[in-house]
Amino acid sequence: MKKPPLTGIAALFLATGTVFAEERSPPAIRQFIQQNPPPGPRSDYIVDHKIPLSIGGTNAQDNLQWQSKPDAKAKDNVECDGHKCGRR
C-alpha cells in the first residue's frame, strides 16, 4: 500500500530541516491558568506544552498541561536531546 505524502510541519521539516516554531503566548498561558487550576500549590507547578513549540507544537489550550517542576525539568532534558530547544 502506498503511503500518503507528508504535509504540513512534517513536510516542511523534511524539506528544510527547520521547524518555524510559534513563540510562547502569555495570553494563552494566562487563559489556561484561569480555566485550569494547578493540581497543587501554584509554586510547585509550571504550564507546559505537551508538544513543544520548538518542534511544531502550538499554544492551543489542548496542548497545555500542568507539570511539576521536577517532571518539567526531566521532560525538557529529553526534548532538548537531539534538537536545539534553547533550554539547557
Foldseek 3Di string as FASTA:
>chain_A
DDDDDDDDLVVVCVVPVAGDFDDADPVLLVVLCVVPPDPDPPVQWDKDFCPDSRSPGDSDSVRIDIDGPVVVVVVVVVVCVPHHDPDD
